[in-house]
Structures are given as structure tokens and as C-alpha cells.
PDB file of all heavy atoms in Angstrom:
ATOM      1  N   HIS A   1       3.277  -8.803   6.617  1.00  0.00           N
ATOM      2  CA  HIS A   1       3.839  -9.082   5.269  1.00  0.00           C
ATOM      3  C   HIS A   1       4.479  -7.783   4.733  1.00  0.00           C
ATOM      4  O   HIS A   1       5.584  -7.813   4.155  1.00  0.00           O
ATOM      5  CB  HIS A   1       2.741  -9.558   4.357  1.00  0.00           C
ATOM      6  CG  HIS A   1       3.218 -10.209   3.118  1.00  0.00           C
ATOM      7  ND1 HIS A   1       2.501 -11.176   2.400  1.00  0.00           N
ATOM      8  CD2 HIS A   1       4.303 -10.000   2.342  1.00  0.00           C
ATOM      9  CE1 HIS A   1       3.152 -11.551   1.318  1.00  0.00           C
ATOM     10  NE2 HIS A   1       4.280 -10.838   1.281  1.00  0.00           N
ATOM     11  N   ALA A   2       3.793  -6.660   4.876  1.00  0.00           N
ATOM     12  CA  ALA A   2       4.324  -5.409   4.407  1.00  0.00           C
ATOM     13  C   ALA A   2       5.632  -5.033   5.107  1.00  0.00           C
ATOM     14  O   ALA A   2       6.572  -4.504   4.506  1.00  0.00           O
ATOM     15  CB  ALA A   2       3.274  -4.287   4.588  1.00  0.00           C
ATOM     16  N   ILE A   3       5.660  -5.233   6.403  1.00  0.00           N
ATOM     17  CA  ILE A   3       6.893  -4.928   7.188  1.00  0.00           C
ATOM     18  C   ILE A   3       8.036  -5.801   6.738  1.00  0.00           C
ATOM     19  O   ILE A   3       9.154  -5.305   6.500  1.00  0.00           O
ATOM     20  CB  ILE A   3       6.631  -5.122   8.692  1.00  0.00           C
ATOM     21  CG1 ILE A   3       5.632  -4.034   9.194  1.00  0.00           C
ATOM     22  CG2 ILE A   3       7.931  -5.046   9.457  1.00  0.00           C
ATOM     23  CD1 ILE A   3       5.187  -4.274  10.630  1.00  0.00           C
ATOM     24  N   ASN A   4       7.750  -7.089   6.530  1.00  0.00           N
ATOM     25  CA  ASN A   4       8.816  -8.044   6.122  1.00  0.00           C
ATOM     26  C   ASN A   4       9.349  -7.647   4.750  1.00  0.00           C
ATOM     27  O   ASN A   4      10.561  -7.597   4.490  1.00  0.00           O
ATOM     28  CB  ASN A   4       8.218  -9.442   6.063  1.00  0.00           C
ATOM     29  CG  ASN A   4       9.261 -10.473   5.628  1.00  0.00           C
ATOM     30  OD1 ASN A   4      10.147 -10.793   6.366  1.00  0.00           O
ATOM     31  ND2 ASN A   4       9.134 -10.971   4.448  1.00  0.00           N
ATOM     32  N   ASN A   5       8.432  -7.323   3.801  1.00  0.00           N
ATOM     33  CA  ASN A   5       8.862  -6.932   2.476  1.00  0.00           C
ATOM     34  C   ASN A   5       9.582  -5.571   2.466  1.00  0.00           C
ATOM     35  O   ASN A   5      10.540  -5.379   1.732  1.00  0.00           O
ATOM     36  CB  ASN A   5       7.645  -6.840   1.518  1.00  0.00           C
ATOM     37  CG  ASN A   5       7.193  -8.209   1.102  1.00  0.00           C
ATOM     38  OD1 ASN A   5       7.616  -9.251   1.646  1.00  0.00           O
ATOM     39  ND2 ASN A   5       6.276  -8.282   0.160  1.00  0.00           N
ATOM     40  N   GLY A   6       9.134  -4.697   3.319  1.00  0.00           N
ATOM     41  CA  GLY A   6       9.776  -3.384   3.428  1.00  0.00           C
ATOM     42  C   GLY A   6      11.228  -3.504   3.894  1.00  0.00           C
ATOM     43  O   GLY A   6      12.104  -2.828   3.368  1.00  0.00           O
ATOM     44  N   ILE A   7      11.462  -4.367   4.905  1.00  0.00           N
ATOM     45  CA  ILE A   7      12.809  -4.600   5.394  1.00  0.00           C
ATOM     46  C   ILE A   7      13.671  -5.211   4.333  1.00  0.00           C
ATOM     47  O   ILE A   7      14.813  -4.802   4.098  1.00  0.00           O
ATOM     48  CB  ILE A   7      12.749  -5.509   6.660  1.00  0.00           C
ATOM     49  CG1 ILE A   7      12.090  -4.769   7.800  1.00  0.00           C
ATOM     50  CG2 ILE A   7      14.177  -5.933   7.022  1.00  0.00           C
ATOM     51  CD1 ILE A   7      11.856  -5.643   9.030  1.00  0.00           C
ATOM     52  N   ALA A   8      13.121  -6.172   3.589  1.00  0.00           N
ATOM     53  CA  ALA A   8      13.866  -6.800   2.477  1.00  0.00           C
ATOM     54  C   ALA A   8      14.184  -5.788   1.390  1.00  0.00           C
ATOM     55  O   ALA A   8      15.334  -5.817   0.808  1.00  0.00           O
ATOM     56  CB  ALA A   8      13.031  -7.967   1.918  1.00  0.00           C
ATOM     57  N   TYR A   9      13.254  -4.926   1.099  1.00  0.00           N
ATOM     58  CA  TYR A   9      13.514  -3.926   0.035  1.00  0.00           C
ATOM     59  C   TYR A   9      14.640  -2.912   0.472  1.00  0.00           C
ATOM     60  O   TYR A   9      15.473  -2.562  -0.350  1.00  0.00           O
ATOM     61  CB  TYR A   9      12.216  -3.138  -0.283  1.00  0.00           C
ATOM     62  CG  TYR A   9      12.423  -2.097  -1.342  1.00  0.00           C
ATOM     63  CD1 TYR A   9      12.514  -2.445  -2.690  1.00  0.00           C
ATOM     64  CD2 TYR A   9      12.542  -0.744  -0.992  1.00  0.00           C
ATOM     65  CE1 TYR A   9      12.708  -1.465  -3.690  1.00  0.00           C
ATOM     66  CE2 TYR A   9      12.713   0.222  -1.998  1.00  0.00           C
ATOM     67  CZ  TYR A   9      12.791  -0.181  -3.297  1.00  0.00           C
ATOM     68  OH  TYR A   9      13.057   0.781  -4.263  1.00  0.00           O
ATOM     69  N   LEU A  10      14.553  -2.502   1.714  1.00  0.00           N
ATOM     70  CA  LEU A  10      15.610  -1.590   2.232  1.00  0.00           C
ATOM     71  C   LEU A  10      16.985  -2.253   2.171  1.00  0.00           C
ATOM     72  O   LEU A  10      17.991  -1.628   1.791  1.00  0.00           O
ATOM     73  CB  LEU A  10      15.303  -1.169   3.660  1.00  0.00           C
ATOM     74  CG  LEU A  10      14.092  -0.231   3.832  1.00  0.00           C
ATOM     75  CD1 LEU A  10      13.796   0.011   5.303  1.00  0.00           C
ATOM     76  CD2 LEU A  10      14.381   1.113   3.103  1.00  0.00           C
ATOM     77  N   ALA A  11      17.023  -3.563   2.492  1.00  0.00           N
ATOM     78  CA  ALA A  11      18.291  -4.280   2.420  1.00  0.00           C
ATOM     79  C   ALA A  11      18.785  -4.358   0.968  1.00  0.00           C
ATOM     80  O   ALA A  11      19.977  -4.245   0.701  1.00  0.00           O
ATOM     81  CB  ALA A  11      18.109  -5.702   3.037  1.00  0.00           C
ATOM     82  N   LEU A  12      17.819  -4.532   0.062  1.00  0.00           N
ATOM     83  CA  LEU A  12      18.179  -4.672  -1.373  1.00  0.00           C
ATOM     84  C   LEU A  12      18.772  -3.352  -1.935  1.00  0.00           C
ATOM     85  O   LEU A  12      19.837  -3.379  -2.537  1.00  0.00           O
ATOM     86  CB  LEU A  12      16.919  -5.018  -2.178  1.00  0.00           C
ATOM     87  CG  LEU A  12      17.092  -5.233  -3.682  1.00  0.00           C
ATOM     88  CD1 LEU A  12      17.932  -6.487  -3.902  1.00  0.00           C
ATOM     89  CD2 LEU A  12      15.746  -5.389  -4.347  1.00  0.00           C
ATOM     90  N   ILE A  13      18.149  -2.203  -1.665  1.00  0.00           N
ATOM     91  CA  ILE A  13      18.676  -0.996  -2.190  1.00  0.00           C
ATOM     92  C   ILE A  13      19.934  -0.522  -1.446  1.00  0.00           C
ATOM     93  O   ILE A  13      20.701   0.288  -1.993  1.00  0.00           O
ATOM     94  CB  ILE A  13      17.585   0.145  -2.130  1.00  0.00           C
ATOM     95  CG1 ILE A  13      17.213   0.463  -0.714  1.00  0.00           C
ATOM     96  CG2 ILE A  13      16.390  -0.234  -2.947  1.00  0.00           C
ATOM     97  CD1 ILE A  13      16.294   1.657  -0.562  1.00  0.00           C
ATOM     98  N   ALA A  14      20.137  -1.108  -0.272  1.00  0.00           N
ATOM     99  CA  ALA A  14      21.384  -0.782   0.456  1.00  0.00           C
ATOM    100  C   ALA A  14      22.547  -1.682   0.005  1.00  0.00           C
ATOM    101  O   ALA A  14      23.682  -1.562   0.519  1.00  0.00           O
ATOM    102  CB  ALA A  14      21.176  -0.918   1.902  1.00  0.00           C
ATOM    103  N   GLY A  15      22.245  -2.552  -0.941  1.00  0.00           N
ATOM    104  CA  GLY A  15      23.317  -3.442  -1.463  1.00  0.00           C
ATOM    105  C   GLY A  15      23.502  -4.736  -0.646  1.00  0.00           C
ATOM    106  O   GLY A  15      24.496  -5.425  -0.778  1.00  0.00           O
ATOM    107  N   HIS A  16      22.518  -5.060   0.203  1.00  0.00           N
ATOM    108  CA  HIS A  16      22.612  -6.255   1.063  1.00  0.00           C
ATOM    109  C   HIS A  16      21.541  -7.250   0.765  1.00  0.00           C
ATOM    110  O   HIS A  16      21.100  -7.991   1.648  1.00  0.00           O
ATOM    111  CB  HIS A  16      22.499  -5.827   2.550  1.00  0.00           C
ATOM    112  CG  HIS A  16      23.649  -4.895   2.993  1.00  0.00           C
ATOM    113  ND1 HIS A  16      24.997  -5.243   2.981  1.00  0.00           N
ATOM    114  CD2 HIS A  16      23.601  -3.621   3.396  1.00  0.00           C
ATOM    115  CE1 HIS A  16      25.717  -4.224   3.431  1.00  0.00           C
ATOM    116  NE2 HIS A  16      24.890  -3.223   3.684  1.00  0.00           N
ATOM    117  N   GLY A  17      21.032  -7.263  -0.452  1.00  0.00           N
ATOM    118  CA  GLY A  17      19.925  -8.158  -0.846  1.00  0.00           C
ATOM    119  C   GLY A  17      20.250  -9.600  -0.552  1.00  0.00           C
ATOM    120  O   GLY A  17      19.355 -10.371  -0.111  1.00  0.00           O
ATOM    121  N   ASN A  18      21.479 -10.044  -0.798  1.00  0.00           N
ATOM    122  CA  ASN A  18      21.844 -11.445  -0.577  1.00  0.00           C
ATOM    123  C   ASN A  18      22.819 -11.605   0.634  1.00  0.00           C
ATOM    124  O   ASN A  18      23.421 -12.657   0.794  1.00  0.00           O
ATOM    125  CB  ASN A  18      22.450 -12.031  -1.809  1.00  0.00           C
ATOM    126  CG  ASN A  18      21.429 -12.348  -2.880  1.00  0.00           C
ATOM    127  OD1 ASN A  18      20.526 -13.211  -2.676  1.00  0.00           O
ATOM    128  ND2 ASN A  18      21.480 -11.617  -4.010  1.00  0.00           N
ATOM    129  N   SER A  19      22.998 -10.493   1.374  1.00  0.00           N
ATOM    130  CA  SER A  19      23.929 -10.548   2.499  1.00  0.00           C
ATOM    131  C   SER A  19      23.338 -11.291   3.664  1.00  0.00           C
ATOM    132  O   SER A  19      22.083 -11.225   3.935  1.00  0.00           O
ATOM    133  CB  SER A  19      24.338  -9.161   2.951  1.00  0.00           C
ATOM    134  OG  SER A  19      24.982  -8.468   1.907  1.00  0.00           O
ATOM    135  N   MET A  20      24.184 -12.004   4.384  1.00  0.00           N
ATOM    136  CA  MET A  20      23.753 -12.680   5.597  1.00  0.00           C
ATOM    137  C   MET A  20      24.109 -11.864   6.833  1.00  0.00           C
ATOM    138  O   MET A  20      24.977 -10.965   6.767  1.00  0.00           O
ATOM    139  CB  MET A  20      24.402 -14.042   5.700  1.00  0.00           C
ATOM    140  CG  MET A  20      24.090 -15.003   4.557  1.00  0.00           C
ATOM    141  SD  MET A  20      22.298 -15.457   4.590  1.00  0.00           S
ATOM    142  CE  MET A  20      22.215 -16.404   3.083  1.00  0.00           C
ATOM    143  N   LEU A  21      23.458 -12.099   7.921  1.00  0.00           N
ATOM    144  CA  LEU A  21      23.681 -11.304   9.146  1.00  0.00           C
ATOM    145  C   LEU A  21      25.155 -11.396   9.570  1.00  0.00           C
ATOM    146  O   LEU A  21      25.709 -10.434   9.981  1.00  0.00           O
ATOM    147  CB  LEU A  21      22.778 -11.827  10.264  1.00  0.00           C
ATOM    148  CG  LEU A  21      22.906 -11.083  11.633  1.00  0.00           C
ATOM    149  CD1 LEU A  21      22.496  -9.601  11.460  1.00  0.00           C
ATOM    150  CD2 LEU A  21      22.038 -11.733  12.703  1.00  0.00           C
ATOM    151  N   ILE A  22      25.707 -12.556   9.392  1.00  0.00           N
ATOM    152  CA  ILE A  22      27.118 -12.742   9.752  1.00  0.00           C
ATOM    153  C   ILE A  22      28.079 -11.851   8.954  1.00  0.00           C
ATOM    154  O   ILE A  22      29.133 -11.398   9.426  1.00  0.00           O
ATOM    155  CB  ILE A  22      27.557 -14.254   9.629  1.00  0.00           C
ATOM    156  CG1 ILE A  22      28.923 -14.430  10.260  1.00  0.00           C
ATOM    157  CG2 ILE A  22      27.534 -14.634   8.170  1.00  0.00           C
ATOM    158  CD1 ILE A  22      29.292 -15.880  10.343  1.00  0.00           C
ATOM    159  N   ASP A  23      27.667 -11.530   7.706  1.00  0.00           N
ATOM    160  CA  ASP A  23      28.524 -10.627   6.867  1.00  0.00           C
ATOM    161  C   ASP A  23      28.375  -9.185   7.339  1.00  0.00           C
ATOM    162  O   ASP A  23      29.271  -8.399   7.130  1.00  0.00           O
ATOM    163  CB  ASP A  23      28.077 -10.760   5.407  1.00  0.00           C
ATOM    164  CG  ASP A  23      28.196 -12.154   4.885  1.00  0.00           C
ATOM    165  OD1 ASP A  23      29.290 -12.775   5.205  1.00  0.00           O
ATOM    166  OD2 ASP A  23      27.324 -12.611   4.148  1.00  0.00           O
ATOM    167  N   MET A  24      27.207  -8.823   7.894  1.00  0.00           N
ATOM    168  CA  MET A  24      26.952  -7.451   8.223  1.00  0.00           C
ATOM    169  C   MET A  24      27.412  -7.070   9.634  1.00  0.00           C
ATOM    170  O   MET A  24      27.799  -5.905   9.825  1.00  0.00           O
ATOM    171  CB  MET A  24      25.448  -7.200   8.105  1.00  0.00           C
ATOM    172  CG  MET A  24      24.937  -7.227   6.650  1.00  0.00           C
ATOM    173  SD  MET A  24      23.210  -6.700   6.466  1.00  0.00           S
ATOM    174  CE  MET A  24      22.331  -8.102   7.093  1.00  0.00           C
ATOM    175  N   VAL A  25      27.420  -8.000  10.572  1.00  0.00           N
ATOM    176  CA  VAL A  25      27.832  -7.646  11.933  1.00  0.00           C
ATOM    177  C   VAL A  25      29.333  -7.571  12.084  1.00  0.00           C
ATOM    178  O   VAL A  25      29.845  -6.865  12.970  1.00  0.00           O
ATOM    179  CB  VAL A  25      27.250  -8.608  12.934  1.00  0.00           C
ATOM    180  CG1 VAL A  25      25.727  -8.570  12.974  1.00  0.00           C
ATOM    181  CG2 VAL A  25      27.711 -10.047  12.731  1.00  0.00           C
TER     182      VAL A  25
END
């Protein structure tokens, strides 16, 4: 749970909180 939330938080502060994988690749 901590790992999952940590990844989500990093995506959020990087400006990708609502980004999909297709948008990033």
C-alpha cells in the first residue's frame, strides 16, 4: 500500500496525477 501510494504521490508532484500511460510513453 505504501509503495502504491508513493508512486501515485511522485506522479502527482511531477504533474502526472491524472495522466495515463499512453500520454507518457
